[in-house]
Amino acid sequence: MLEVDGRRYTLAVDINGMCELETETGQLFQSVAAKAEAGSFVAIRSLIWSTTRRHHPEMTPVDVGRLISAAGVDTVMAKFFEMSDSMMPTEQDAKTLKLKRPRKAQAARR
């Protein structure tokens, strides 16, 4: 949740928002996130726009730019990384779900 100028915005990192981001930018979600982390304002706005899709589908990229300007880039990106971190499974989650590390690929034989 992000509150700006007395209005609450519910941001969510979800598969549909990620798909919309990839469709709009022609780039992988991870690539846009890396560019945002490196400081690209275009990537920051696109990334945050994707998090508004579930609860605020009416928001345009320009609306999101105004939101970022009002809240502050650092505040908004901190909120994004907080959400992203909460999506990663903890050690306890991995044990509960019995998640295993993927097997290492074997070298091709000739």
PDB file of N, CA and C in Angstrom:
ATOM      1  N   MET A   1       0.850  -1.176   0.000  1.00  0.00           N
ATOM      2  CA  MET A   1       0.000   0.000   0.000  1.00  0.00           C
ATOM      3  C   MET A   1       0.891   1.233   0.000  1.00  0.00           C
ATOM      4  N   LEU A   2       0.475   2.199  -0.781  1.00  0.00           N
ATOM      5  CA  LEU A   2       1.205   3.453  -0.895  1.00  0.00           C
ATOM      6  C   LEU A   2       0.176   4.562  -0.760  1.00  0.00           C
ATOM      7  N   GLU A   3       0.426   5.499   0.138  1.00  0.00           N
ATOM      8  CA  GLU A   3      -0.505   6.612   0.313  1.00  0.00           C
ATOM      9  C   GLU A   3       0.153   7.881  -0.190  1.00  0.00           C
ATOM     10  N   VAL A   4      -0.551   8.554  -1.104  1.00  0.00           N
ATOM     11  CA  VAL A   4      -0.044   9.787  -1.695  1.00  0.00           C
ATOM     12  C   VAL A   4      -1.183  10.795  -1.757  1.00  0.00           C
ATOM     13  N   ASP A   5      -0.936  11.975  -1.210  1.00  0.00           N
ATOM     14  CA  ASP A   5      -1.922  13.058  -1.220  1.00  0.00           C
ATOM     15  C   ASP A   5      -3.297  12.605  -0.717  1.00  0.00           C
ATOM     16  N   GLY A   6      -3.293  11.798   0.346  1.00  0.00           N
ATOM     17  CA  GLY A   6      -4.538  11.350   0.960  1.00  0.00           C
ATOM     18  C   GLY A   6      -5.235  10.205   0.241  1.00  0.00           C
ATOM     19  N   ARG A   7      -4.652   9.700  -0.825  1.00  0.00           N
ATOM     20  CA  ARG A   7      -5.252   8.576  -1.545  1.00  0.00           C
ATOM     21  C   ARG A   7      -4.372   7.350  -1.393  1.00  0.00           C
ATOM     22  N   ARG A   8      -5.002   6.212  -1.197  1.00  0.00           N
ATOM     23  CA  ARG A   8      -4.266   4.955  -1.049  1.00  0.00           C
ATOM     24  C   ARG A   8      -4.229   4.209  -2.376  1.00  0.00           C
ATOM     25  N   TYR A   9      -3.043   3.701  -2.680  1.00  0.00           N
ATOM     26  CA  TYR A   9      -2.842   2.902  -3.883  1.00  0.00           C
ATOM     27  C   TYR A   9      -2.359   1.524  -3.455  1.00  0.00           C
ATOM     28  N   THR A  10      -3.035   0.510  -3.947  1.00  0.00           N
ATOM     29  CA  THR A  10      -2.636  -0.856  -3.658  1.00  0.00           C
ATOM     30  C   THR A  10      -1.829  -1.358  -4.844  1.00  0.00           C
ATOM     31  N   LEU A  11      -0.563  -1.611  -4.596  1.00  0.00           N
ATOM     32  CA  LEU A  11       0.332  -2.096  -5.641  1.00  0.00           C
ATOM     33  C   LEU A  11       0.490  -3.602  -5.483  1.00  0.00           C
ATOM     34  N   ALA A  12       0.637  -4.295  -6.589  1.00  0.00           N
ATOM     35  CA  ALA A  12       0.781  -5.747  -6.530  1.00  0.00           C
ATOM     36  C   ALA A  12       1.672  -6.220  -7.670  1.00  0.00           C
ATOM     37  N   VAL A  13       2.628  -7.058  -7.329  1.00  0.00           N
ATOM     38  CA  VAL A  13       3.446  -7.712  -8.348  1.00  0.00           C
ATOM     39  C   VAL A  13       2.744  -9.033  -8.633  1.00  0.00           C
ATOM     40  N   ASP A  14       2.139  -9.132  -9.813  1.00  0.00           N
ATOM     41  CA  ASP A  14       1.457 -10.369 -10.168  1.00  0.00           C
ATOM     42  C   ASP A  14       1.719 -10.716 -11.628  1.00  0.00           C
ATOM     43  N   ILE A  15       1.370 -11.908 -12.000  1.00  0.00           N
ATOM     44  CA  ILE A  15       1.689 -12.414 -13.338  1.00  0.00           C
ATOM     45  C   ILE A  15       1.036 -11.582 -14.435  1.00  0.00           C
ATOM     46  N   ASN A  16      -0.196 -11.130 -14.228  1.00  0.00           N
ATOM     47  CA  ASN A  16      -0.865 -10.341 -15.258  1.00  0.00           C
ATOM     48  C   ASN A  16      -0.176  -8.998 -15.462  1.00  0.00           C
ATOM     49  N   GLY A  17       0.207  -8.359 -14.381  1.00  0.00           N
ATOM     50  CA  GLY A  17       0.937  -7.099 -14.499  1.00  0.00           C
ATOM     51  C   GLY A  17       2.278  -7.290 -15.183  1.00  0.00           C
ATOM     52  N   MET A  18       2.955  -8.392 -14.850  1.00  0.00           N
ATOM     53  CA  MET A  18       4.244  -8.676 -15.496  1.00  0.00           C
ATOM     54  C   MET A  18       4.056  -8.911 -16.989  1.00  0.00           C
ATOM     55  N   CYS A  19       2.993  -9.637 -17.348  1.00  0.00           N
ATOM     56  CA  CYS A  19       2.713  -9.890 -18.771  1.00  0.00           C
ATOM     57  C   CYS A  19       2.406  -8.583 -19.504  1.00  0.00           C
ATOM     58  N   GLU A  20       1.614  -7.716 -18.894  1.00  0.00           N
ATOM     59  CA  GLU A  20       1.299  -6.431 -19.520  1.00  0.00           C
ATOM     60  C   GLU A  20       2.561  -5.597 -19.705  1.00  0.00           C
ATOM     61  N   LEU A  21       3.442  -5.626 -18.709  1.00  0.00           N
ATOM     62  CA  LEU A  21       4.709  -4.898 -18.814  1.00  0.00           C
ATOM     63  C   LEU A  21       5.524  -5.409 -19.994  1.00  0.00           C
ATOM     64  N   GLU A  22       5.640  -6.730 -20.114  1.00  0.00           N
ATOM     65  CA  GLU A  22       6.411  -7.313 -21.214  1.00  0.00           C
ATOM     66  C   GLU A  22       5.780  -6.982 -22.567  1.00  0.00           C
ATOM     67  N   THR A  23       4.462  -7.000 -22.627  1.00  0.00           N
ATOM     68  CA  THR A  23       3.766  -6.665 -23.871  1.00  0.00           C
ATOM     69  C   THR A  23       4.003  -5.207 -24.250  1.00  0.00           C
ATOM     70  N   GLU A  24       3.886  -4.310 -23.285  1.00  0.00           N
ATOM     71  CA  GLU A  24       4.040  -2.875 -23.544  1.00  0.00           C
ATOM     72  C   GLU A  24       5.470  -2.492 -23.890  1.00  0.00           C
ATOM     73  N   THR A  25       6.448  -3.107 -23.222  1.00  0.00           N
ATOM     74  CA  THR A  25       7.842  -2.701 -23.413  1.00  0.00           C
ATOM     75  C   THR A  25       8.596  -3.562 -24.421  1.00  0.00           C
ATOM     76  N   GLY A  26       8.105  -4.775 -24.673  1.00  0.00           N
ATOM     77  CA  GLY A  26       8.837  -5.697 -25.536  1.00  0.00           C
ATOM     78  C   GLY A  26      10.082  -6.253 -24.866  1.00  0.00           C
ATOM     79  N   GLN A  27      10.154  -6.125 -23.539  1.00  0.00           N
ATOM     80  CA  GLN A  27      11.308  -6.595 -22.771  1.00  0.00           C
ATOM     81  C   GLN A  27      10.829  -7.534 -21.668  1.00  0.00           C
ATOM     82  N   LEU A  28      11.733  -8.398 -21.224  1.00  0.00           N
ATOM     83  CA  LEU A  28      11.412  -9.266 -20.099  1.00  0.00           C
ATOM     84  C   LEU A  28      11.248  -8.442 -18.821  1.00  0.00           C
ATOM     85  N   PHE A  29      10.367  -8.893 -17.949  1.00  0.00           N
ATOM     86  CA  PHE A  29      10.133  -8.207 -16.685  1.00  0.00           C
ATOM     87  C   PHE A  29      11.441  -7.998 -15.925  1.00  0.00           C
ATOM     88  N   GLN A  30      12.272  -9.041 -15.873  1.00  0.00           N
ATOM     89  CA  GLN A  30      13.536  -8.963 -15.132  1.00  0.00           C
ATOM     90  C   GLN A  30      14.458  -7.905 -15.718  1.00  0.00           C
ATOM     91  N   SER A  31      14.437  -7.747 -17.030  1.00  0.00           N
ATOM     92  CA  SER A  31      15.270  -6.743 -17.686  1.00  0.00           C
ATOM     93  C   SER A  31      14.824  -5.336 -17.302  1.00  0.00           C
ATOM     94  N   VAL A  32      13.523  -5.110 -17.305  1.00  0.00           N
ATOM     95  CA  VAL A  32      12.993  -3.798 -16.921  1.00  0.00           C
ATOM     96  C   VAL A  32      13.308  -3.523 -15.452  1.00  0.00           C
ATOM     97  N   ALA A  33      13.150  -4.530 -14.601  1.00  0.00           N
ATOM     98  CA  ALA A  33      13.452  -4.362 -13.174  1.00  0.00           C
ATOM     99  C   ALA A  33      14.925  -4.005 -12.968  1.00  0.00           C
ATOM    100  N   ALA A  34      15.816  -4.647 -13.722  1.00  0.00           N
ATOM    101  CA  ALA A  34      17.247  -4.355 -13.603  1.00  0.00           C
ATOM    102  C   ALA A  34      17.540  -2.923 -14.050  1.00  0.00           C
ATOM    103  N   LYS A  35      16.891  -2.485 -15.115  1.00  0.00           N
ATOM    104  CA  LYS A  35      17.084  -1.111 -15.600  1.00  0.00           C
ATOM    105  C   LYS A  35      16.541  -0.100 -14.587  1.00  0.00           C
ATOM    106  N   ALA A  36      15.423  -0.449 -13.966  1.00  0.00           N
ATOM    107  CA  ALA A  36      14.862   0.429 -12.933  1.00  0.00           C
ATOM    108  C   ALA A  36      15.821   0.537 -11.754  1.00  0.00           C
ATOM    109  N   GLU A  37      16.373  -0.590 -11.356  1.00  0.00           N
ATOM    110  CA  GLU A  37      17.316  -0.598 -10.240  1.00  0.00           C
ATOM    111  C   GLU A  37      18.571   0.210 -10.580  1.00  0.00           C
ATOM    112  N   ALA A  38      18.933   0.239 -11.868  1.00  0.00           N
ATOM    113  CA  ALA A  38      20.097   1.004 -12.313  1.00  0.00           C
ATOM    114  C   ALA A  38      19.790   2.495 -12.446  1.00  0.00           C
ATOM    115  N   GLY A  39      18.503   2.865 -12.322  1.00  0.00           N
ATOM    116  CA  GLY A  39      18.142   4.276 -12.314  1.00  0.00           C
ATOM    117  C   GLY A  39      17.398   4.796 -13.521  1.00  0.00           C
ATOM    118  N   SER A  40      16.995   3.933 -14.452  1.00  0.00           N
ATOM    119  CA  SER A  40      16.244   4.387 -15.627  1.00  0.00           C
ATOM    120  C   SER A  40      14.838   4.811 -15.207  1.00  0.00           C
ATOM    121  N   PHE A  41      14.527   6.086 -15.453  1.00  0.00           N
ATOM    122  CA  PHE A  41      13.203   6.584 -15.074  1.00  0.00           C
ATOM    123  C   PHE A  41      12.099   5.974 -15.935  1.00  0.00           C
ATOM    124  N   VAL A  42      12.384   5.710 -17.193  1.00  0.00           N
ATOM    125  CA  VAL A  42      11.407   5.045 -18.062  1.00  0.00           C
ATOM    126  C   VAL A  42      11.089   3.666 -17.486  1.00  0.00           C
ATOM    127  N   ALA A  43      12.126   2.943 -17.089  1.00  0.00           N
ATOM    128  CA  ALA A  43      11.928   1.604 -16.526  1.00  0.00           C
ATOM    129  C   ALA A  43      11.207   1.672 -15.184  1.00  0.00           C
ATOM    130  N   ILE A  44      11.548   2.654 -14.357  1.00  0.00           N
ATOM    131  CA  ILE A  44      10.875   2.801 -13.053  1.00  0.00           C
ATOM    132  C   ILE A  44       9.387   3.020 -13.264  1.00  0.00           C
ATOM    133  N   ARG A  45       9.046   3.943 -14.144  1.00  0.00           N
ATOM    134  CA  ARG A  45       7.626   4.228 -14.383  1.00  0.00           C
ATOM    135  C   ARG A  45       6.912   3.002 -14.940  1.00  0.00           C
ATOM    136  N   SER A  46       7.550   2.303 -15.891  1.00  0.00           N
ATOM    137  CA  SER A  46       6.935   1.100 -16.465  1.00  0.00           C
ATOM    138  C   SER A  46       6.736   0.020 -15.413  1.00  0.00           C
ATOM    139  N   LEU A  47       7.742  -0.164 -14.585  1.00  0.00           N
ATOM    140  CA  LEU A  47       7.687  -1.190 -13.542  1.00  0.00           C
ATOM    141  C   LEU A  47       6.568  -0.892 -12.544  1.00  0.00           C
ATOM    142  N   ILE A  48       6.501   0.333 -12.079  1.00  0.00           N
ATOM    143  CA  ILE A  48       5.455   0.695 -11.112  1.00  0.00           C
ATOM    144  C   ILE A  48       4.082   0.657 -11.773  1.00  0.00           C
ATOM    145  N   TRP A  49       3.995   1.062 -13.041  1.00  0.00           N
ATOM    146  CA  TRP A  49       2.722   0.963 -13.766  1.00  0.00           C
ATOM    147  C   TRP A  49       2.226  -0.480 -13.738  1.00  0.00           C
ATOM    148  N   SER A  50       3.132  -1.435 -13.947  1.00  0.00           N
ATOM    149  CA  SER A  50       2.719  -2.844 -13.957  1.00  0.00           C
ATOM    150  C   SER A  50       2.157  -3.283 -12.610  1.00  0.00           C
ATOM    151  N   THR A  51       2.600  -2.654 -11.525  1.00  0.00           N
ATOM    152  CA  THR A  51       2.095  -3.031 -10.196  1.00  0.00           C
ATOM    153  C   THR A  51       0.733  -2.411  -9.896  1.00  0.00           C
ATOM    154  N   THR A  52       0.294  -1.468 -10.725  1.00  0.00           N
ATOM    155  CA  THR A  52      -1.017  -0.844 -10.504  1.00  0.00           C
ATOM    156  C   THR A  52      -2.138  -1.576 -11.236  1.00  0.00           C
ATOM    157  N   ARG A  53      -1.799  -2.461 -12.144  1.00  0.00           N
ATOM    158  CA  ARG A  53      -2.782  -3.043 -13.049  1.00  0.00           C
ATOM    159  C   ARG A  53      -3.904  -3.796 -12.340  1.00  0.00           C
ATOM    160  N   ARG A  54      -3.606  -4.532 -11.283  1.00  0.00           N
ATOM    161  CA  ARG A  54      -4.644  -5.341 -10.625  1.00  0.00           C
ATOM    162  C   ARG A  54      -5.694  -4.479  -9.922  1.00  0.00           C
ATOM    163  N   HIS A  55      -5.251  -3.488  -9.166  1.00  0.00           N
ATOM    164  CA  HIS A  55      -6.176  -2.720  -8.336  1.00  0.00           C
ATOM    165  C   HIS A  55      -6.538  -1.349  -8.908  1.00  0.00           C
ATOM    166  N   HIS A  56      -5.759  -0.856  -9.854  1.00  0.00           N
ATOM    167  CA  HIS A  56      -6.009   0.468 -10.440  1.00  0.00           C
ATOM    168  C   HIS A  56      -5.804   0.414 -11.955  1.00  0.00           C
ATOM    169  N   PRO A  57      -6.595  -0.414 -12.654  1.00  0.00           N
ATOM    170  CA  PRO A  57      -6.374  -0.595 -14.098  1.00  0.00           C
ATOM    171  C   PRO A  57      -6.601   0.672 -14.913  1.00  0.00           C
ATOM    172  N   GLU A  58      -7.256   1.648 -14.322  1.00  0.00           N
ATOM    173  CA  GLU A  58      -7.519   2.895 -15.030  1.00  0.00           C
ATOM    174  C   GLU A  58      -6.285   3.799 -15.114  1.00  0.00           C
ATOM    175  N   MET A  59      -5.258   3.493 -14.328  1.00  0.00           N
ATOM    176  CA  MET A  59      -4.074   4.352 -14.294  1.00  0.00           C
ATOM    177  C   MET A  59      -3.243   4.195 -15.573  1.00  0.00           C
ATOM    178  N   THR A  60      -2.868   5.324 -16.120  1.00  0.00           N
ATOM    179  CA  THR A  60      -2.011   5.343 -17.305  1.00  0.00           C
ATOM    180  C   THR A  60      -0.560   5.516 -16.849  1.00  0.00           C
ATOM    181  N   PRO A  61       0.390   5.300 -17.745  1.00  0.00           N
ATOM    182  CA  PRO A  61       1.779   5.573 -17.382  1.00  0.00           C
ATOM    183  C   PRO A  61       1.997   7.023 -16.924  1.00  0.00           C
ATOM    184  N   VAL A  62       1.297   7.975 -17.528  1.00  0.00           N
ATOM    185  CA  VAL A  62       1.420   9.376 -17.104  1.00  0.00           C
ATOM    186  C   VAL A  62       0.904   9.547 -15.675  1.00  0.00           C
ATOM    187  N   ASP A  63      -0.222   8.898 -15.349  1.00  0.00           N
ATOM    188  CA  ASP A  63      -0.744   8.930 -13.969  1.00  0.00           C
ATOM    189  C   ASP A  63       0.289   8.366 -13.004  1.00  0.00           C
ATOM    190  N   VAL A  64       0.913   7.281 -13.400  1.00  0.00           N
ATOM    191  CA  VAL A  64       1.912   6.636 -12.547  1.00  0.00           C
ATOM    192  C   VAL A  64       3.125   7.551 -12.371  1.00  0.00           C
ATOM    193  N   GLY A  65       3.505   8.246 -13.429  1.00  0.00           N
ATOM    194  CA  GLY A  65       4.598   9.210 -13.323  1.00  0.00           C
ATOM    195  C   GLY A  65       4.291  10.296 -12.306  1.00  0.00           C
ATOM    196  N   ARG A  66       3.049  10.773 -12.303  1.00  0.00           N
ATOM    197  CA  ARG A  66       2.635  11.782 -11.306  1.00  0.00           C
ATOM    198  C   ARG A  66       2.679  11.203  -9.893  1.00  0.00           C
ATOM    199  N   LEU A  67       2.250   9.954  -9.764  1.00  0.00           N
ATOM    200  CA  LEU A  67       2.284   9.266  -8.468  1.00  0.00           C
ATOM    201  C   LEU A  67       3.725   9.156  -7.963  1.00  0.00           C
ATOM    202  N   ILE A  68       4.627   8.758  -8.833  1.00  0.00           N
ATOM    203  CA  ILE A  68       6.038   8.617  -8.453  1.00  0.00           C
ATOM    204  C   ILE A  68       6.616   9.975  -8.067  1.00  0.00           C
ATOM    205  N   SER A  69       6.292  11.007  -8.828  1.00  0.00           N
ATOM    206  CA  SER A  69       6.789  12.348  -8.511  1.00  0.00           C
ATOM    207  C   SER A  69       6.295  12.821  -7.152  1.00  0.00           C
ATOM    208  N   ALA A  70       5.024  12.548  -6.855  1.00  0.00           N
ATOM    209  CA  ALA A  70       4.449  12.984  -5.576  1.00  0.00           C
ATOM    210  C   ALA A  70       5.004  12.204  -4.393  1.00  0.00           C
ATOM    211  N   ALA A  71       5.186  10.891  -4.578  1.00  0.00           N
ATOM    212  CA  ALA A  71       5.647  10.035  -3.474  1.00  0.00           C
ATOM    213  C   ALA A  71       7.160  10.068  -3.316  1.00  0.00           C
ATOM    214  N   GLY A  72       7.860  10.254  -4.430  1.00  0.00           N
ATOM    215  CA  GLY A  72       9.319  10.209  -4.436  1.00  0.00           C
ATOM    216  C   GLY A  72       9.798   8.875  -4.988  1.00  0.00           C
ATOM    217  N   VAL A  73      10.779   8.947  -5.861  1.00  0.00           N
ATOM    218  CA  VAL A  73      11.302   7.743  -6.510  1.00  0.00           C
ATOM    219  C   VAL A  73      11.795   6.736  -5.484  1.00  0.00           C
ATOM    220  N   ASP A  74      12.570   7.194  -4.503  1.00  0.00           N
ATOM    221  CA  ASP A  74      13.130   6.269  -3.511  1.00  0.00           C
ATOM    222  C   ASP A  74      12.032   5.554  -2.717  1.00  0.00           C
ATOM    223  N   THR A  75      10.987   6.285  -2.355  1.00  0.00           N
ATOM    224  CA  THR A  75       9.880   5.694  -1.594  1.00  0.00           C
ATOM    225  C   THR A  75       9.172   4.619  -2.412  1.00  0.00           C
ATOM    226  N   VAL A  76       8.894   4.943  -3.669  1.00  0.00           N
ATOM    227  CA  VAL A  76       8.162   4.011  -4.525  1.00  0.00           C
ATOM    228  C   VAL A  76       9.007   2.768  -4.821  1.00  0.00           C
ATOM    229  N   MET A  77      10.286   2.965  -5.100  1.00  0.00           N
ATOM    230  CA  MET A  77      11.137   1.804  -5.387  1.00  0.00           C
ATOM    231  C   MET A  77      11.337   0.949  -4.135  1.00  0.00           C
ATOM    232  N   ALA A  78      11.437   1.573  -2.982  1.00  0.00           N
ATOM    233  CA  ALA A  78      11.541   0.800  -1.734  1.00  0.00           C
ATOM    234  C   ALA A  78      10.297  -0.057  -1.549  1.00  0.00           C
ATOM    235  N   LYS A  79       9.130   0.491  -1.863  1.00  0.00           N
ATOM    236  CA  LYS A  79       7.877  -0.263  -1.762  1.00  0.00           C
ATOM    237  C   LYS A  79       7.878  -1.427  -2.754  1.00  0.00           C
ATOM    238  N   PHE A  80       8.373  -1.176  -3.971  1.00  0.00           N
ATOM    239  CA  PHE A  80       8.446  -2.245  -4.971  1.00  0.00           C
ATOM    240  C   PHE A  80       9.336  -3.384  -4.479  1.00  0.00           C
ATOM    241  N   PHE A  81      10.531  -3.055  -3.985  1.00  0.00           N
ATOM    242  CA  PHE A  81      11.453  -4.103  -3.544  1.00  0.00           C
ATOM    243  C   PHE A  81      10.917  -4.829  -2.305  1.00  0.00           C
ATOM    244  N   GLU A  82      10.188  -4.118  -1.464  1.00  0.00           N
ATOM    245  CA  GLU A  82       9.539  -4.758  -0.313  1.00  0.00           C
ATOM    246  C   GLU A  82       8.525  -5.799  -0.798  1.00  0.00           C
ATOM    247  N   MET A  83       7.744  -5.427  -1.812  1.00  0.00           N
ATOM    248  CA  MET A  83       6.766  -6.375  -2.376  1.00  0.00           C
ATOM    249  C   MET A  83       7.473  -7.551  -3.026  1.00  0.00           C
ATOM    250  N   SER A  84       8.513  -7.271  -3.785  1.00  0.00           N
ATOM    251  CA  SER A  84       9.250  -8.333  -4.478  1.00  0.00           C
ATOM    252  C   SER A  84       9.851  -9.318  -3.492  1.00  0.00           C
ATOM    253  N   ASP A  85      10.449  -8.787  -2.426  1.00  0.00           N
ATOM    254  CA  ASP A  85      11.054  -9.647  -1.411  1.00  0.00           C
ATOM    255  C   ASP A  85      10.017 -10.535  -0.747  1.00  0.00           C
ATOM    256  N   SER A  86       8.809 -10.001  -0.548  1.00  0.00           N
ATOM    257  CA  SER A  86       7.771 -10.783   0.124  1.00  0.00           C
ATOM    258  C   SER A  86       7.262 -11.922  -0.752  1.00  0.00           C
ATOM    259  N   MET A  87       7.549 -11.865  -2.057  1.00  0.00           N
ATOM    260  CA  MET A  87       7.120 -12.926  -2.965  1.00  0.00           C
ATOM    261  C   MET A  87       8.079 -14.109  -2.977  1.00  0.00           C
ATOM    262  N   MET A  88       9.293 -13.908  -2.517  1.00  0.00           N
ATOM    263  CA  MET A  88      10.296 -14.967  -2.542  1.00  0.00           C
ATOM    264  C   MET A  88      10.035 -15.947  -1.405  1.00  0.00           C
ATOM    265  N   PRO A  89      10.108 -17.241  -1.671  1.00  0.00           N
ATOM    266  CA  PRO A  89       9.868 -18.212  -0.604  1.00  0.00           C
ATOM    267  C   PRO A  89      10.982 -18.179   0.444  1.00  0.00           C
ATOM    268  N   THR A  90      10.589 -18.282   1.710  1.00  0.00           N
ATOM    269  CA  THR A  90      11.557 -18.361   2.797  1.00  0.00           C
ATOM    270  C   THR A  90      12.049 -19.804   2.900  1.00  0.00           C
ATOM    271  N   GLU A  91      13.046 -20.018   3.745  1.00  0.00           N
ATOM    272  CA  GLU A  91      13.519 -21.390   3.958  1.00  0.00           C
ATOM    273  C   GLU A  91      12.386 -22.259   4.480  1.00  0.00           C
ATOM    274  N   GLN A  92      11.566 -21.697   5.375  1.00  0.00           N
ATOM    275  CA  GLN A  92      10.442 -22.455   5.931  1.00  0.00           C
ATOM    276  C   GLN A  92       9.433 -22.795   4.831  1.00  0.00           C
ATOM    277  N   ASP A  93       9.168 -21.835   3.928  1.00  0.00           N
ATOM    278  CA  ASP A  93       8.272 -22.099   2.797  1.00  0.00           C
ATOM    279  C   ASP A  93       8.810 -23.257   1.967  1.00  0.00           C
ATOM    280  N   ALA A  94      10.094 -23.216   1.676  1.00  0.00           N
ATOM    281  CA  ALA A  94      10.711 -24.261   0.859  1.00  0.00           C
ATOM    282  C   ALA A  94      10.560 -25.623   1.516  1.00  0.00           C
ATOM    283  N   LYS A  95      10.744 -25.681   2.840  1.00  0.00           N
ATOM    284  CA  LYS A  95      10.585 -26.954   3.556  1.00  0.00           C
ATOM    285  C   LYS A  95       9.132 -27.412   3.528  1.00  0.00           C
ATOM    286  N   THR A  96       8.226 -26.468   3.784  1.00  0.00           N
ATOM    287  CA  THR A  96       6.806 -26.801   3.810  1.00  0.00           C
ATOM    288  C   THR A  96       6.330 -27.296   2.444  1.00  0.00           C
ATOM    289  N   LEU A  97       6.776 -26.617   1.397  1.00  0.00           N
ATOM    290  CA  LEU A  97       6.351 -26.981   0.041  1.00  0.00           C
ATOM    291  C   LEU A  97       7.238 -28.053  -0.580  1.00  0.00           C
ATOM    292  N   LYS A  98       8.271 -28.449   0.162  1.00  0.00           N
ATOM    293  CA  LYS A  98       9.224 -29.452  -0.305  1.00  0.00           C
ATOM    294  C   LYS A  98       9.857 -29.033  -1.633  1.00  0.00           C
ATOM    295  N   LEU A  99      10.229 -27.729  -1.694  1.00  0.00           N
ATOM    296  CA  LEU A  99      10.897 -27.226  -2.892  1.00  0.00           C
ATOM    297  C   LEU A  99      12.328 -27.723  -2.910  1.00  0.00           C
ATOM    298  N   LYS A 100      12.762 -28.114  -4.056  1.00  0.00           N
ATOM    299  CA  LYS A 100      14.128 -28.588  -4.211  1.00  0.00           C
ATOM    300  C   LYS A 100      14.836 -27.704  -5.216  1.00  0.00           C
ATOM    301  N   ARG A 101      16.137 -27.662  -5.113  1.00  0.00           N
ATOM    302  CA  ARG A 101      16.914 -26.946  -6.104  1.00  0.00           C
ATOM    303  C   ARG A 101      16.838 -27.723  -7.405  1.00  0.00           C
ATOM    304  N   PRO A 102      16.737 -27.005  -8.531  1.00  0.00           N
ATOM    305  CA  PRO A 102      16.712 -27.728  -9.804  1.00  0.00           C
ATOM    306  C   PRO A 102      18.022 -28.461 -10.024  1.00  0.00           C
ATOM    307  N   ARG A 103      17.922 -29.603 -10.712  1.00  0.00           N
ATOM    308  CA  ARG A 103      19.135 -30.363 -11.006  1.00  0.00           C
ATOM    309  C   ARG A 103      20.011 -29.570 -11.953  1.00  0.00           C
ATOM    310  N   LYS A 104      21.288 -29.723 -11.781  1.00  0.00           N
ATOM    311  CA  LYS A 104      22.251 -29.062 -12.640  1.00  0.00           C
ATOM    312  C   LYS A 104      22.235 -29.762 -14.001  1.00  0.00           C
ATOM    313  N   ALA A 105      22.234 -28.956 -15.052  1.00  0.00           N
ATOM    314  CA  ALA A 105      22.232 -29.527 -16.405  1.00  0.00           C
ATOM    315  C   ALA A 105      23.533 -30.256 -16.657  1.00  0.00           C
ATOM    316  N   GLN A 106      23.433 -31.386 -17.344  1.00  0.00           N
ATOM    317  CA  GLN A 106      24.623 -32.148 -17.684  1.00  0.00           C
ATOM    318  C   GLN A 106      25.185 -31.643 -19.009  1.00  0.00           C
ATOM    319  N   ALA A 107      26.491 -31.710 -19.131  1.00  0.00           N
ATOM    320  CA  ALA A 107      27.138 -31.308 -20.378  1.00  0.00           C
ATOM    321  C   ALA A 107      26.732 -32.264 -21.493  1.00  0.00           C
ATOM    322  N   ALA A 108      26.598 -31.729 -22.672  1.00  0.00           N
ATOM    323  CA  ALA A 108      26.230 -32.562 -23.829  1.00  0.00           C
ATOM    324  C   ALA A 108      27.382 -33.509 -24.166  1.00  0.00           C
ATOM    325  N   ARG A 109      27.030 -34.713 -24.520  1.00  0.00           N
ATOM    326  CA  ARG A 109      28.045 -35.690 -24.928  1.00  0.00           C
ATOM    327  C   ARG A 109      28.189 -35.666 -26.428  1.00  0.00           C
ATOM    328  N   ARG A 110      29.392 -35.904 -26.874  1.00  0.00           N
ATOM    329  CA  ARG A 110      29.628 -35.945 -28.328  1.00  0.00           C
ATOM    330  C   ARG A 110      29.830 -37.337 -28.778  1.00  0.00           C
TER     331      ARG A 110
END
